[in-house]
Amino acid sequence: MYFCQKLRFNVVIHIQEFTFNSFQTRCSVIWDETGSCAIFDPGFSTASERDALTGLVASRGLKPVCIMLTHGHFDHVLGVAELASLYGDLPIYMHPEDKFTLANNDFFARCFGAPMPAAFETVDIAEGDIIEVGGLRFEVIFTPGHSRGGVCYLERTEKVLISGDTLFAGAIGRSDHPGGDYDQLMKSILEKLMVLDGSIAVIPGHGPCTDIAKEGMTNPFLLPFNEPYED
């Protein structure tokens, strides 16, 4: 469990990061002064990991209002069903195209010798939707390529982007799994993320945090010769 200490946020937003399961998947809990919080990609796989997350909620007096998924790969959703039930059937937001990913998680999990996530129902989201959490407003950015229904969540006022497995510090998401598409991924990153304000903090699904400007200048996968193929 750790906080991305190098990033600087306005006082309204609070972010606590957890690293869960053997794939080192990041789960973020984000809240404001109202105490309402969103939980992003709860991939906990053990009771101790679950208790770390619920302990934060209890100790801070937070009120979970939703679960927000960047995509449906098993390492990002292992704790979703249990967490949603624990807090009174929380809505679980996910792009409908990633129902394909959920349906194939048995294959993915078996390939990696990982547990199979319990089933859960999702609420459809689309490009441009706004999900309100207390005074925070998370804009859905549809970024397919790592998976069919991958999304990022942008809080414009606080300049925070939850990028899931679309964009990492110095890397991009894999596109060689079923439902992945390299050209589509590059198009998503270049046309939807790299056009954002450079000062926006990027909180990815794995690895260290970064920002848009740093990735635009230094990410080797975003050099011109890596751009998607044009028909």
C-alpha atoms as a PDB file:
ATOM      1  CA  MET A   1       0.000   0.000   0.000  1.00  0.00           C
ATOM      2  CA  TYR A   2       1.388   3.363  -0.894  1.00  0.00           C
ATOM      3  CA  PHE A   3       0.548   6.895  -1.944  1.00  0.00           C
ATOM      4  CA  CYS A   4       1.961   8.438  -5.114  1.00  0.00           C
ATOM      5  CA  GLN A   5       3.906  10.995  -3.101  1.00  0.00           C
ATOM      6  CA  LYS A   6       5.635  12.668  -6.040  1.00  0.00           C
ATOM      7  CA  LEU A   7       2.355  13.847  -7.516  1.00  0.00           C
ATOM      8  CA  ARG A   8       0.779  17.098  -6.334  1.00  0.00           C
ATOM      9  CA  PHE A   9      -2.976  17.425  -6.084  1.00  0.00           C
ATOM     10  CA  ASN A  10      -5.285  20.252  -5.050  1.00  0.00           C
ATOM     11  CA  VAL A  11      -6.606  19.977  -1.518  1.00  0.00           C
ATOM     12  CA  VAL A  12     -10.060  18.829  -2.618  1.00  0.00           C
ATOM     13  CA  ILE A  13      -8.978  15.388  -3.823  1.00  0.00           C
ATOM     14  CA  HIS A  14      -7.529  12.551  -1.754  1.00  0.00           C
ATOM     15  CA  ILE A  15      -6.006   9.441  -3.283  1.00  0.00           C
ATOM     16  CA  GLN A  16      -4.834   6.245  -1.649  1.00  0.00           C
ATOM     17  CA  GLU A  17      -3.136   3.594  -3.743  1.00  0.00           C
ATOM     18  CA  PHE A  18      -2.958  -0.142  -3.100  1.00  0.00           C
ATOM     19  CA  THR A  19      -0.963  -2.802  -4.909  1.00  0.00           C
ATOM     20  CA  PHE A  20      -2.889  -6.057  -5.100  1.00  0.00           C
ATOM     21  CA  ASN A  21      -2.359  -9.660  -6.198  1.00  0.00           C
ATOM     22  CA  SER A  22       0.654 -11.337  -7.778  1.00  0.00           C
ATOM     23  CA  PHE A  23       0.375  -9.087 -10.844  1.00  0.00           C
ATOM     24  CA  GLN A  24       0.994  -5.951  -8.772  1.00  0.00           C
ATOM     25  CA  THR A  25      -2.250  -4.381  -9.939  1.00  0.00           C
ATOM     26  CA  ARG A  26      -3.007  -0.880  -8.682  1.00  0.00           C
ATOM     27  CA  CYS A  27      -6.305  -0.147  -6.982  1.00  0.00           C
ATOM     28  CA  SER A  28      -7.080   3.497  -6.257  1.00  0.00           C
ATOM     29  CA  VAL A  29      -9.501   4.883  -3.693  1.00  0.00           C
ATOM     30  CA  ILE A  30     -10.352   8.508  -4.448  1.00  0.00           C
ATOM     31  CA  TRP A  31     -12.486  10.850  -2.363  1.00  0.00           C
ATOM     32  CA  ASP A  32     -13.107  14.500  -1.559  1.00  0.00           C
ATOM     33  CA  GLU A  33     -14.075  16.460   1.549  1.00  0.00           C
ATOM     34  CA  THR A  34     -17.602  14.985   1.478  1.00  0.00           C
ATOM     35  CA  GLY A  35     -16.190  11.511   2.216  1.00  0.00           C
ATOM     36  CA  SER A  36     -17.844   9.993  -0.838  1.00  0.00           C
ATOM     37  CA  CYS A  37     -15.337   7.729  -2.585  1.00  0.00           C
ATOM     38  CA  ALA A  38     -14.897   5.738  -5.773  1.00  0.00           C
ATOM     39  CA  ILE A  39     -12.878   2.541  -5.869  1.00  0.00           C
ATOM     40  CA  PHE A  40     -10.992   1.882  -9.102  1.00  0.00           C
ATOM     41  CA  ASP A  41     -10.017  -1.641 -10.212  1.00  0.00           C
ATOM     42  CA  PRO A  42     -10.274  -3.533  -6.895  1.00  0.00           C
ATOM     43  CA  GLY A  43      -8.129  -6.541  -7.777  1.00  0.00           C
ATOM     44  CA  PHE A  44      -7.530  -7.846  -4.262  1.00  0.00           C
ATOM     45  CA  SER A  45      -7.090 -11.613  -4.094  1.00  0.00           C
ATOM     46  CA  THR A  46      -6.606 -12.317  -0.379  1.00  0.00           C
ATOM     47  CA  ALA A  47      -8.416 -11.495   2.846  1.00  0.00           C
ATOM     48  CA  SER A  48      -5.499  -9.354   4.030  1.00  0.00           C
ATOM     49  CA  GLU A  49      -5.602  -7.284   0.838  1.00  0.00           C
ATOM     50  CA  ARG A  50      -9.364  -6.845   1.186  1.00  0.00           C
ATOM     51  CA  ASP A  51      -8.967  -5.827   4.821  1.00  0.00           C
ATOM     52  CA  ALA A  52      -6.357  -3.200   3.926  1.00  0.00           C
ATOM     53  CA  LEU A  53      -8.848  -1.550   1.581  1.00  0.00           C
ATOM     54  CA  THR A  54     -11.868  -1.803   3.881  1.00  0.00           C
ATOM     55  CA  GLY A  55      -9.703  -0.652   6.785  1.00  0.00           C
ATOM     56  CA  LEU A  56      -8.915   2.558   4.924  1.00  0.00           C
ATOM     57  CA  VAL A  57     -12.614   3.128   4.241  1.00  0.00           C
ATOM     58  CA  ALA A  58     -13.472   2.598   7.895  1.00  0.00           C
ATOM     59  CA  SER A  59     -10.608   4.621   9.359  1.00  0.00           C
ATOM     60  CA  ARG A  60     -11.315   7.606   7.110  1.00  0.00           C
ATOM     61  CA  GLY A  61     -15.082   7.368   7.542  1.00  0.00           C
ATOM     62  CA  LEU A  62     -15.548   7.092   3.776  1.00  0.00           C
ATOM     63  CA  LYS A  63     -18.748   6.253   1.950  1.00  0.00           C
ATOM     64  CA  PRO A  64     -18.110   4.116  -1.171  1.00  0.00           C
ATOM     65  CA  VAL A  65     -20.548   5.113  -3.901  1.00  0.00           C
ATOM     66  CA  CYS A  66     -19.280   3.115  -6.882  1.00  0.00           C
ATOM     67  CA  ILE A  67     -16.665   0.834  -8.379  1.00  0.00           C
ATOM     68  CA  MET A  68     -15.084   2.078 -11.598  1.00  0.00           C
ATOM     69  CA  LEU A  69     -13.304  -0.367 -13.894  1.00  0.00           C
ATOM     70  CA  THR A  70     -10.759   0.677 -16.493  1.00  0.00           C
ATOM     71  CA  HIS A  71     -11.212  -2.723 -18.130  1.00  0.00           C
ATOM     72  CA  GLY A  72     -12.218  -6.267 -17.288  1.00  0.00           C
ATOM     73  CA  HIS A  73      -9.001  -8.294 -17.134  1.00  0.00           C
ATOM     74  CA  PHE A  74      -9.044 -10.697 -14.196  1.00  0.00           C
ATOM     75  CA  ASP A  75      -6.228  -9.035 -12.257  1.00  0.00           C
ATOM     76  CA  HIS A  76      -8.226  -5.798 -12.106  1.00  0.00           C
ATOM     77  CA  VAL A  77     -11.554  -7.335 -11.064  1.00  0.00           C
ATOM     78  CA  LEU A  78     -10.726 -10.143  -8.624  1.00  0.00           C
ATOM     79  CA  GLY A  79     -12.310  -8.343  -5.672  1.00  0.00           C
ATOM     80  CA  VAL A  80     -15.184  -6.626  -7.476  1.00  0.00           C
ATOM     81  CA  ALA A  81     -18.071  -8.953  -6.618  1.00  0.00           C
ATOM     82  CA  GLU A  82     -17.153  -9.189  -2.935  1.00  0.00           C
ATOM     83  CA  LEU A  83     -16.567  -5.465  -2.561  1.00  0.00           C
ATOM     84  CA  ALA A  84     -19.788  -4.487  -4.326  1.00  0.00           C
ATOM     85  CA  SER A  85     -21.782  -6.789  -2.058  1.00  0.00           C
ATOM     86  CA  LEU A  86     -19.977  -5.643   1.085  1.00  0.00           C
ATOM     87  CA  TYR A  87     -21.035  -2.033   0.562  1.00  0.00           C
ATOM     88  CA  GLY A  88     -24.633  -2.659  -0.473  1.00  0.00           C
ATOM     89  CA  ASP A  89     -24.542  -3.588  -4.144  1.00  0.00           C
ATOM     90  CA  LEU A  90     -22.424  -0.719  -5.399  1.00  0.00           C
ATOM     91  CA  PRO A  91     -22.844   0.140  -9.086  1.00  0.00           C
ATOM     92  CA  ILE A  92     -19.935  -1.222 -11.132  1.00  0.00           C
ATOM     93  CA  TYR A  93     -19.119   1.007 -14.096  1.00  0.00           C
ATOM     94  CA  MET A  94     -17.499  -0.546 -17.168  1.00  0.00           C
ATOM     95  CA  HIS A  95     -17.652  -0.032 -20.920  1.00  0.00           C
ATOM     96  CA  PRO A  96     -19.970  -2.650 -22.475  1.00  0.00           C
ATOM     97  CA  GLU A  97     -17.349  -3.679 -25.041  1.00  0.00           C
ATOM     98  CA  ASP A  98     -15.363  -5.213 -22.194  1.00  0.00           C
ATOM     99  CA  LYS A  99     -18.043  -7.773 -21.464  1.00  0.00           C
ATOM    100  CA  PHE A 100     -16.022  -9.711 -24.036  1.00  0.00           C
ATOM    101  CA  THR A 101     -13.046  -9.499 -21.701  1.00  0.00           C
ATOM    102  CA  LEU A 102     -15.048 -10.635 -18.676  1.00  0.00           C
ATOM    103  CA  ALA A 103     -16.391 -13.558 -20.679  1.00  0.00           C
ATOM    104  CA  ASN A 104     -12.825 -14.630 -21.517  1.00  0.00           C
ATOM    105  CA  ASN A 105     -11.382 -14.260 -18.027  1.00  0.00           C
ATOM    106  CA  ASP A 106     -11.525 -17.997 -17.420  1.00  0.00           C
ATOM    107  CA  PHE A 107      -9.080 -18.417 -20.319  1.00  0.00           C
ATOM    108  CA  PHE A 108      -6.834 -15.591 -19.095  1.00  0.00           C
ATOM    109  CA  ALA A 109      -6.836 -16.824 -15.504  1.00  0.00           C
ATOM    110  CA  ARG A 110      -5.997 -20.402 -16.475  1.00  0.00           C
ATOM    111  CA  CYS A 111      -3.137 -19.192 -18.678  1.00  0.00           C
ATOM    112  CA  PHE A 112      -1.560 -17.443 -15.706  1.00  0.00           C
ATOM    113  CA  GLY A 113      -2.554 -19.939 -13.014  1.00  0.00           C
ATOM    114  CA  ALA A 114      -4.657 -17.269 -11.316  1.00  0.00           C
ATOM    115  CA  PRO A 115      -8.042 -17.519  -9.567  1.00  0.00           C
ATOM    116  CA  MET A 116     -11.183 -16.890 -11.600  1.00  0.00           C
ATOM    117  CA  PRO A 117     -13.102 -13.753 -10.551  1.00  0.00           C
ATOM    118  CA  ALA A 118     -16.655 -14.179  -9.296  1.00  0.00           C
ATOM    119  CA  ALA A 119     -19.354 -12.989 -11.698  1.00  0.00           C
ATOM    120  CA  PHE A 120     -20.899  -9.530 -11.352  1.00  0.00           C
ATOM    121  CA  GLU A 121     -23.210  -7.210 -13.262  1.00  0.00           C
ATOM    122  CA  THR A 122     -21.961  -3.921 -14.684  1.00  0.00           C
ATOM    123  CA  VAL A 123     -23.449  -0.533 -15.534  1.00  0.00           C
ATOM    124  CA  ASP A 124     -22.653   0.566 -19.086  1.00  0.00           C
ATOM    125  CA  ILE A 125     -20.617   3.710 -19.653  1.00  0.00           C
ATOM    126  CA  ALA A 126     -19.623   5.519 -22.839  1.00  0.00           C
ATOM    127  CA  GLU A 127     -17.233   8.183 -24.119  1.00  0.00           C
ATOM    128  CA  GLY A 128     -17.963  11.532 -22.503  1.00  0.00           C
ATOM    129  CA  ASP A 129     -20.074  10.227 -19.622  1.00  0.00           C
ATOM    130  CA  ILE A 130     -19.542  12.000 -16.307  1.00  0.00           C
ATOM    131  CA  ILE A 131     -19.571   9.988 -13.085  1.00  0.00           C
ATOM    132  CA  GLU A 132     -20.020  12.186 -10.026  1.00  0.00           C
ATOM    133  CA  VAL A 133     -18.455  11.169  -6.723  1.00  0.00           C
ATOM    134  CA  GLY A 134     -19.192  13.806  -4.111  1.00  0.00           C
ATOM    135  CA  GLY A 135     -17.860  16.999  -5.674  1.00  0.00           C
ATOM    136  CA  LEU A 136     -15.548  15.144  -8.059  1.00  0.00           C
ATOM    137  CA  ARG A 137     -16.472  14.596 -11.701  1.00  0.00           C
ATOM    138  CA  PHE A 138     -14.829  11.748 -13.583  1.00  0.00           C
ATOM    139  CA  GLU A 139     -15.075  11.933 -17.369  1.00  0.00           C
ATOM    140  CA  VAL A 140     -15.021   8.656 -19.286  1.00  0.00           C
ATOM    141  CA  ILE A 141     -12.468   8.510 -22.109  1.00  0.00           C
ATOM    142  CA  PHE A 142     -12.912   5.470 -24.329  1.00  0.00           C
ATOM    143  CA  THR A 143      -9.425   4.087 -25.060  1.00  0.00           C
ATOM    144  CA  PRO A 144      -9.711   0.649 -26.688  1.00  0.00           C
ATOM    145  CA  GLY A 145      -6.609  -1.256 -27.717  1.00  0.00           C
ATOM    146  CA  HIS A 146      -5.404  -3.053 -24.600  1.00  0.00           C
ATOM    147  CA  SER A 147      -8.898  -4.499 -24.468  1.00  0.00           C
ATOM    148  CA  ARG A 148     -12.032  -3.874 -26.500  1.00  0.00           C
ATOM    149  CA  GLY A 149     -13.676  -1.711 -23.863  1.00  0.00           C
ATOM    150  CA  GLY A 150     -10.748  -0.055 -22.115  1.00  0.00           C
ATOM    151  CA  VAL A 151     -11.394   3.377 -20.647  1.00  0.00           C
ATOM    152  CA  CYS A 152      -9.567   6.053 -18.701  1.00  0.00           C
ATOM    153  CA  TYR A 153     -11.184   8.324 -16.120  1.00  0.00           C
ATOM    154  CA  LEU A 154     -10.269  12.016 -16.057  1.00  0.00           C
ATOM    155  CA  GLU A 155     -10.926  14.478 -13.243  1.00  0.00           C
ATOM    156  CA  ARG A 156     -10.213  17.668 -15.185  1.00  0.00           C
ATOM    157  CA  THR A 157     -10.368  20.133 -12.318  1.00  0.00           C
ATOM    158  CA  GLU A 158      -7.966  18.148 -10.156  1.00  0.00           C
ATOM    159  CA  LYS A 159      -5.877  17.092 -13.193  1.00  0.00           C
ATOM    160  CA  VAL A 160      -5.848  13.379 -12.437  1.00  0.00           C
ATOM    161  CA  LEU A 161      -6.126  10.593 -15.015  1.00  0.00           C
ATOM    162  CA  ILE A 162      -6.735   6.961 -14.053  1.00  0.00           C
ATOM    163  CA  SER A 163      -5.249   5.265 -17.113  1.00  0.00           C
ATOM    164  CA  GLY A 164      -5.610   1.576 -16.280  1.00  0.00           C
ATOM    165  CA  ASP A 165      -3.491  -0.506 -18.651  1.00  0.00           C
ATOM    166  CA  THR A 166      -3.727   1.934 -21.559  1.00  0.00           C
ATOM    167  CA  LEU A 167      -0.721   4.086 -20.625  1.00  0.00           C
ATOM    168  CA  PHE A 168       2.132   3.398 -18.202  1.00  0.00           C
ATOM    169  CA  ALA A 169       5.225   5.304 -17.146  1.00  0.00           C
ATOM    170  CA  GLY A 170       7.556   4.654 -20.064  1.00  0.00           C
ATOM    171  CA  ALA A 171       5.348   2.006 -21.636  1.00  0.00           C
ATOM    172  CA  ILE A 172       1.919   1.199 -23.044  1.00  0.00           C
ATOM    173  CA  GLY A 173      -0.501  -1.643 -22.446  1.00  0.00           C
ATOM    174  CA  ARG A 174      -0.129  -5.034 -24.087  1.00  0.00           C
ATOM    175  CA  SER A 175      -2.207  -5.605 -27.198  1.00  0.00           C
ATOM    176  CA  ASP A 176      -1.453  -9.276 -27.859  1.00  0.00           C
ATOM    177  CA  HIS A 177      -4.304 -10.695 -25.760  1.00  0.00           C
ATOM    178  CA  PRO A 178      -7.708 -11.552 -27.298  1.00  0.00           C
ATOM    179  CA  GLY A 179      -9.507  -8.247 -27.853  1.00  0.00           C
ATOM    180  CA  GLY A 180      -6.273  -6.258 -28.066  1.00  0.00           C
ATOM    181  CA  ASP A 181      -5.288  -4.166 -31.077  1.00  0.00           C
ATOM    182  CA  TYR A 182      -1.958  -2.307 -31.304  1.00  0.00           C
ATOM    183  CA  ASP A 183      -3.025   0.285 -33.884  1.00  0.00           C
ATOM    184  CA  GLN A 184      -6.208   0.980 -31.945  1.00  0.00           C
ATOM    185  CA  LEU A 185      -4.236   1.358 -28.711  1.00  0.00           C
ATOM    186  CA  MET A 186      -1.779   3.800 -30.263  1.00  0.00           C
ATOM    187  CA  LYS A 187      -4.636   5.789 -31.772  1.00  0.00           C
ATOM    188  CA  SER A 188      -6.352   5.962 -28.373  1.00  0.00           C
ATOM    189  CA  ILE A 189      -3.202   7.203 -26.643  1.00  0.00           C
ATOM    190  CA  LEU A 190      -2.085   9.700 -29.285  1.00  0.00           C
ATOM    191  CA  GLU A 191      -5.478  11.170 -30.122  1.00  0.00           C
ATOM    192  CA  LYS A 192      -7.153  11.135 -26.695  1.00  0.00           C
ATOM    193  CA  LEU A 193      -4.467  11.193 -24.011  1.00  0.00           C
ATOM    194  CA  MET A 194      -1.480  13.009 -25.483  1.00  0.00           C
ATOM    195  CA  VAL A 195      -3.697  15.977 -26.343  1.00  0.00           C
ATOM    196  CA  LEU A 196      -4.517  16.535 -22.661  1.00  0.00           C
ATOM    197  CA  ASP A 197      -2.859  19.165 -20.461  1.00  0.00           C
ATOM    198  CA  GLY A 198       0.710  18.067 -19.829  1.00  0.00           C
ATOM    199  CA  SER A 199       0.417  18.694 -16.093  1.00  0.00           C
ATOM    200  CA  ILE A 200      -2.249  16.015 -15.671  1.00  0.00           C
ATOM    201  CA  ALA A 201      -1.067  13.285 -13.309  1.00  0.00           C
ATOM    202  CA  VAL A 202      -1.329   9.755 -14.707  1.00  0.00           C
ATOM    203  CA  ILE A 203      -2.141   6.916 -12.311  1.00  0.00           C
ATOM    204  CA  PRO A 204      -1.695   3.668 -14.267  1.00  0.00           C
ATOM    205  CA  GLY A 205      -2.847   0.146 -13.519  1.00  0.00           C
ATOM    206  CA  HIS A 206       0.710  -1.053 -12.790  1.00  0.00           C
ATOM    207  CA  GLY A 207       4.020   0.575 -11.978  1.00  0.00           C
ATOM    208  CA  PRO A 208       4.962   4.134 -11.027  1.00  0.00           C
ATOM    209  CA  CYS A 209       2.817   7.208 -11.554  1.00  0.00           C
ATOM    210  CA  THR A 210       3.734   9.797 -14.166  1.00  0.00           C
ATOM    211  CA  ASP A 211       2.211  12.726 -16.051  1.00  0.00           C
ATOM    212  CA  ILE A 212       1.106  13.470 -19.594  1.00  0.00           C
ATOM    213  CA  ALA A 213       4.021  15.780 -20.428  1.00  0.00           C
ATOM    214  CA  LYS A 214       6.658  13.299 -19.300  1.00  0.00           C
ATOM    215  CA  GLU A 215       5.130  10.505 -21.361  1.00  0.00           C
ATOM    216  CA  GLY A 216       4.801  12.735 -24.407  1.00  0.00           C
ATOM    217  CA  MET A 217       8.481  13.617 -24.226  1.00  0.00           C
ATOM    218  CA  THR A 218      10.111  10.391 -23.052  1.00  0.00           C
ATOM    219  CA  ASN A 219       7.889   7.346 -23.590  1.00  0.00           C
ATOM    220  CA  PRO A 220       9.738   5.269 -26.228  1.00  0.00           C
ATOM    221  CA  PHE A 221       6.489   3.705 -27.439  1.00  0.00           C
ATOM    222  CA  LEU A 222       5.147   7.120 -28.419  1.00  0.00           C
ATOM    223  CA  LEU A 223       7.942   8.072 -30.816  1.00  0.00           C
ATOM    224  CA  PRO A 224       6.769   8.951 -34.356  1.00  0.00           C
ATOM    225  CA  PHE A 225       7.816   5.628 -35.921  1.00  0.00           C
ATOM    226  CA  ASN A 226       5.457   3.816 -33.544  1.00  0.00           C
ATOM    227  CA  GLU A 227       2.359   5.568 -34.796  1.00  0.00           C
ATOM    228  CA  PRO A 228      -0.533   3.364 -35.967  1.00  0.00           C
ATOM    229  CA  TYR A 229      -0.573   2.170 -39.558  1.00  0.00           C
ATOM    230  CA  GLU A 230      -2.713   4.196 -41.932  1.00  0.00           C
ATOM    231  CA  ASP A 231      -4.638   2.297 -44.610  1.00  0.00           C
END
